[in-house]
Amino acid sequence: MDVRGYNQEAWDRQVESGNEWTVPVGPDVVEAARRGQWEVLLTETKPVPSAWFPEMAGAVVLCLASGGGQQAPVFAAAGAKVTVLDNSPGQLAQDRFVAERESLDLETVQGDMRDLSAFAEGSFDLVFHPVSNLFVPEVRPVWAEAFRVLRCGGVLLAGFLNPAVYVFDRELVDSTGEVRVKYALPYADATSQSEEEVRRQIQRGEPLEFSHSLEEQIGGQIEAGFLISGFYEDHYRDDPIATYLPTYVATKAIKP
């Protein structure tokens, strides 16, 4: 199965249906960012600590798999030179919509988060990568490419899922609120579920997901050459799983 092609179309459908991660920020958010008052999310509820960011005025920023008109316009309004790379044309259209509405300097590039060959080595001061690498089957190429395109001293800010969330029966959680272990790790929608479950997911037009171990997520960044200098956990909103364990991880990593 062409996972990238399928997920591209699935996220375009998410834009059409109004998924919360596809809804662009309003003019008030952009205006506040122009005044230096802004915050963004790597995960679901906790804003990224302001101390994690470099000086944004004049910074060259890559929003990696971060379309949707949410983070990139804020960075551009704060004075950064921003490029957004995303697999979904629909998500990128949301960023262009805000840029045109607010007269922001922002570039969009359609592409695979595992292949940043469109960018030269050492092009960026900051790579901002919110929760999205669950939509690709391999995560180590993401870290290797982020390392390559960052300048020395550059920062990678990444959010990702705690892989433990994938052991639970999602349909049972959604329908009854009951949390029950069902799957072994590593997990992939297309191979861990039954054929009927996969068929229903595809009929619903939902993106396909893949679990990645903490060794791949955190250890993978270290293997790529990064130094981890910040870490926090976060939780799903209004989800029974979040009462048992943190569901998200965010890291700050530096290219020495």
Protein backbone atom coordinates (compact mmCIF):
# COMPACT_ATOMS: atom_id res chain seq x y z
CA MET A 1 0.00 0.00 0.00
CA ASP A 2 1.18 3.53 -0.81
CA VAL A 3 1.00 4.82 2.77
CA ARG A 4 2.30 8.28 1.92
CA GLY A 5 -0.25 8.73 -0.88
CA TYR A 6 -3.09 7.40 1.24
CA ASN A 7 -2.19 9.61 4.23
CA GLN A 8 -1.87 12.64 1.97
CA GLU A 9 -5.46 12.16 0.79
CA ALA A 10 -6.62 11.32 4.31
CA TRP A 11 -5.23 14.58 5.72
CA ASP A 12 -6.76 16.54 2.86
CA ARG A 13 -10.09 15.04 3.96
CA GLN A 14 -9.33 16.02 7.56
CA VAL A 15 -8.99 19.62 6.37
CA GLU A 16 -12.36 19.41 4.64
CA SER A 17 -14.01 17.97 7.76
CA GLY A 18 -12.53 20.59 10.10
CA ASN A 19 -10.18 18.47 12.22
CA GLU A 20 -8.94 20.72 15.06
CA TRP A 21 -5.33 20.43 13.86
CA THR A 22 -6.30 21.84 10.46
CA VAL A 23 -8.08 25.00 11.63
CA PRO A 24 -5.96 28.14 11.01
CA VAL A 25 -5.24 30.66 13.75
CA GLY A 26 -7.28 33.82 13.79
CA PRO A 27 -6.14 37.41 13.21
CA ASP A 28 -5.98 38.04 16.96
CA VAL A 29 -3.32 35.34 17.39
CA VAL A 30 -1.23 36.79 14.58
CA GLU A 31 -1.53 40.32 15.92
CA ALA A 32 -0.47 39.19 19.40
CA ALA A 33 2.55 37.40 17.90
CA ARG A 34 3.55 40.61 16.14
CA ARG A 35 3.60 42.23 19.59
CA GLY A 36 5.79 39.44 20.93
CA GLN A 37 2.98 37.65 22.77
CA TRP A 38 2.68 34.09 21.47
CA GLU A 39 2.83 30.42 22.33
CA VAL A 40 2.53 27.22 20.28
CA LEU A 41 1.95 23.52 20.87
CA LEU A 42 4.21 20.56 20.12
CA THR A 43 1.76 18.20 21.80
CA GLU A 44 -1.90 18.66 22.75
CA THR A 45 -2.27 20.87 25.81
CA LYS A 46 1.08 22.17 27.14
CA PRO A 47 2.58 25.21 25.39
CA VAL A 48 6.25 24.87 24.49
CA PRO A 49 8.41 26.71 27.09
CA SER A 50 9.49 30.06 25.69
CA ALA A 51 13.06 29.34 26.80
CA TRP A 52 13.23 26.48 24.28
CA PHE A 53 13.14 28.88 21.33
CA PRO A 54 16.03 30.80 19.82
CA GLU A 55 15.59 34.52 19.14
CA MET A 56 12.79 34.41 16.60
CA ALA A 57 13.34 37.77 14.92
CA GLY A 58 15.30 36.86 11.80
CA ALA A 59 15.49 33.14 12.62
CA VAL A 60 15.22 30.73 9.70
CA VAL A 61 12.59 28.13 10.67
CA LEU A 62 11.41 24.87 9.14
CA CYS A 63 7.99 23.73 10.31
CA LEU A 64 8.37 20.01 9.61
CA ALA A 65 5.16 18.07 8.87
CA SER A 66 3.50 21.04 10.54
CA GLY A 67 0.90 22.34 8.08
CA GLY A 68 -2.52 23.54 9.10
CA GLY A 69 -2.09 27.30 9.51
CA GLN A 70 -1.31 27.12 13.21
CA GLN A 71 2.38 27.30 14.21
CA ALA A 72 4.03 28.65 11.05
CA PRO A 73 2.00 31.89 10.85
CA VAL A 74 2.78 32.58 14.51
CA PHE A 75 6.51 32.21 13.88
CA ALA A 76 6.31 34.41 10.79
CA ALA A 77 4.40 37.09 12.72
CA ALA A 78 7.08 36.91 15.42
CA GLY A 79 9.67 37.86 12.79
CA ALA A 80 11.03 34.51 11.61
CA LYS A 81 11.64 33.48 8.01
CA VAL A 82 9.43 30.38 7.82
CA THR A 83 9.14 27.39 5.51
CA VAL A 84 6.46 24.75 6.05
CA LEU A 85 6.93 21.22 4.69
CA ASP A 86 3.92 18.93 4.79
CA ASN A 87 2.63 15.90 2.89
CA SER A 88 -0.89 17.33 2.58
CA PRO A 89 -1.69 20.04 0.01
CA GLY A 90 -4.80 20.82 2.02
CA GLN A 91 -2.79 21.50 5.15
CA LEU A 92 -0.35 23.69 3.26
CA ALA A 93 -3.27 25.64 1.79
CA GLN A 94 -4.27 26.59 5.34
CA ASP A 95 -0.84 28.15 5.91
CA ARG A 96 -1.03 30.05 2.63
CA PHE A 97 -4.52 31.24 3.56
CA VAL A 98 -3.27 32.80 6.79
CA ALA A 99 -0.16 34.21 5.11
CA GLU A 100 -2.25 35.95 2.45
CA ARG A 101 -4.83 37.16 4.95
CA GLU A 102 -2.19 38.60 7.28
CA SER A 103 0.48 39.60 4.68
CA LEU A 104 3.03 37.20 6.17
CA ASP A 105 6.23 36.04 4.46
CA LEU A 106 5.86 32.27 4.52
CA GLU A 107 6.87 29.53 2.05
CA THR A 108 5.14 26.15 1.68
CA VAL A 109 6.67 22.96 0.26
CA GLN A 110 4.85 19.67 -0.27
CA GLY A 111 7.02 16.72 0.66
CA ASP A 112 7.85 13.73 2.84
CA MET A 113 9.19 14.48 6.33
CA ARG A 114 11.81 11.75 5.78
CA ASP A 115 13.26 13.47 2.70
CA LEU A 116 14.44 17.07 3.06
CA SER A 117 16.61 17.01 -0.06
CA ALA A 118 14.87 20.20 -1.22
CA PHE A 119 16.93 22.02 1.44
CA ALA A 120 20.68 22.48 1.63
CA GLU A 121 22.75 21.34 4.60
CA GLY A 122 22.78 23.87 7.43
CA SER A 123 19.81 25.88 6.14
CA PHE A 124 17.81 26.41 9.34
CA ASP A 125 18.14 27.73 12.89
CA LEU A 126 15.06 25.86 14.13
CA VAL A 127 13.19 22.75 13.04
CA PHE A 128 9.74 22.62 14.65
CA HIS A 129 8.22 19.15 14.43
CA PRO A 130 4.91 18.68 16.28
CA VAL A 131 3.25 15.28 16.67
CA SER A 132 3.21 13.86 13.13
CA ASN A 133 5.86 11.16 12.72
CA LEU A 134 3.25 8.56 13.69
CA PHE A 135 2.11 8.84 10.06
CA VAL A 136 5.34 7.40 8.61
CA PRO A 137 6.65 3.85 9.14
CA GLU A 138 10.27 4.89 9.84
CA VAL A 139 11.30 7.72 12.13
CA ARG A 140 15.11 7.60 12.12
CA PRO A 141 15.30 9.23 8.64
CA VAL A 142 13.31 12.15 10.05
CA TRP A 143 15.95 12.80 12.70
CA ALA A 144 18.86 12.34 10.29
CA GLU A 145 17.38 14.83 7.83
CA ALA A 146 16.52 17.35 10.55
CA PHE A 147 20.12 17.17 11.78
CA ARG A 148 21.48 17.70 8.27
CA VAL A 149 19.43 20.80 7.48
CA LEU A 150 20.10 22.50 10.84
CA ARG A 151 23.04 24.83 11.35
CA CYS A 152 25.51 24.10 14.13
CA GLY A 153 23.87 25.32 17.32
CA GLY A 154 20.45 24.91 15.71
CA VAL A 155 17.49 23.53 17.63
CA LEU A 156 15.06 20.69 16.93
CA LEU A 157 11.79 20.84 18.87
CA ALA A 158 9.79 17.63 18.50
CA GLY A 159 6.56 16.20 19.83
CA PHE A 160 5.54 12.56 19.51
CA LEU A 161 3.25 9.91 20.95
CA ASN A 162 4.14 7.71 23.87
CA PRO A 163 4.11 4.31 22.10
CA ALA A 164 2.30 2.75 25.06
CA VAL A 165 -0.97 4.31 23.86
CA TYR A 166 -1.04 1.83 20.99
CA VAL A 167 -1.43 -1.25 23.19
CA PHE A 168 -5.03 -0.31 24.01
CA ASP A 169 -8.24 -1.19 22.17
CA ARG A 170 -9.06 2.23 20.69
CA GLU A 171 -12.57 1.31 19.56
CA LEU A 172 -13.45 0.11 23.06
CA VAL A 173 -12.05 3.29 24.61
CA ASP A 174 -14.01 5.47 22.19
CA SER A 175 -17.30 3.59 22.59
CA THR A 176 -17.36 2.79 26.31
CA GLY A 177 -14.48 4.63 27.98
CA GLU A 178 -13.06 1.30 29.10
CA VAL A 179 -9.28 0.93 28.77
CA ARG A 180 -8.17 -2.58 27.82
CA VAL A 181 -4.86 -3.88 26.49
CA LYS A 182 -5.24 -5.44 23.04
CA TYR A 183 -2.12 -4.99 20.86
CA ALA A 184 1.58 -5.78 21.10
CA LEU A 185 4.25 -3.26 20.12
CA PRO A 186 5.43 -2.27 17.59
CA TYR A 187 2.00 -1.33 16.30
CA ALA A 188 0.82 -0.39 12.80
CA ASP A 189 -2.81 0.18 11.82
CA ALA A 190 -2.40 -1.79 8.60
CA THR A 191 -0.87 -4.91 10.17
CA SER A 192 -1.83 -4.98 13.86
CA GLN A 193 -5.56 -4.67 13.34
CA SER A 194 -7.84 -7.22 11.75
CA GLU A 195 -8.68 -6.83 8.07
CA GLU A 196 -12.17 -5.71 9.06
CA GLU A 197 -10.80 -3.04 11.40
CA VAL A 198 -8.46 -1.75 8.69
CA ARG A 199 -11.31 -1.74 6.17
CA ARG A 200 -13.49 0.35 8.49
CA GLN A 201 -10.66 2.78 9.16
CA ILE A 202 -10.05 3.28 5.46
CA GLN A 203 -13.79 3.68 4.84
CA ARG A 204 -13.77 6.45 7.47
CA GLY A 205 -10.89 8.08 5.59
CA GLU A 206 -8.65 8.20 8.66
CA PRO A 207 -4.85 8.41 8.31
CA LEU A 208 -2.84 5.25 8.98
CA GLU A 209 -0.60 5.34 12.05
CA PHE A 210 2.59 3.60 13.21
CA SER A 211 4.01 3.31 16.71
CA HIS A 212 7.68 4.21 17.26
CA SER A 213 9.57 3.09 20.34
CA LEU A 214 11.18 5.59 22.70
CA GLU A 215 14.49 4.11 21.57
CA GLU A 216 13.64 5.20 18.01
CA GLN A 217 12.24 8.57 19.07
CA ILE A 218 14.74 9.71 21.70
CA GLY A 219 17.61 7.33 20.96
CA GLY A 220 17.15 8.07 17.26
CA GLN A 221 17.75 11.76 17.85
CA ILE A 222 20.92 10.99 19.80
CA GLU A 223 22.11 8.59 17.08
CA ALA A 224 21.60 11.36 14.51
CA GLY A 225 24.00 13.53 16.50
CA PHE A 226 21.67 15.64 18.62
CA LEU A 227 22.14 16.52 22.27
CA ILE A 228 18.84 16.34 24.18
CA SER A 229 18.53 19.41 26.39
CA GLY A 230 14.81 19.55 27.22
CA PHE A 231 11.97 17.11 27.91
CA TYR A 232 8.38 17.15 29.08
CA GLU A 233 5.28 14.95 28.93
CA ASP A 234 1.70 15.82 28.09
CA HIS A 235 -1.73 14.16 28.05
CA TYR A 236 -4.66 13.73 25.70
CA ARG A 237 -7.60 15.98 26.48
CA ASP A 238 -10.70 14.19 27.80
CA ASP A 239 -9.45 10.69 27.04
CA PRO A 240 -9.57 7.75 29.50
CA ILE A 241 -6.10 6.59 28.43
CA ALA A 242 -4.63 9.86 29.75
CA THR A 243 -5.77 9.02 33.28
CA TYR A 244 -3.35 6.09 33.28
CA LEU A 245 -0.22 7.46 31.59
CA PRO A 246 1.25 10.47 29.79
CA THR A 247 0.32 10.13 26.13
CA TYR A 248 2.81 12.61 24.60
CA VAL A 249 6.51 13.42 24.85
CA ALA A 250 8.23 16.65 23.75
CA THR A 251 11.98 17.11 23.39
CA LYS A 252 14.41 19.92 22.73
CA ALA A 253 17.56 18.83 20.91
CA ILE A 254 20.62 20.82 19.82
CA LYS A 255 22.96 20.21 16.90
CA PRO A 256 26.42 20.75 18.43
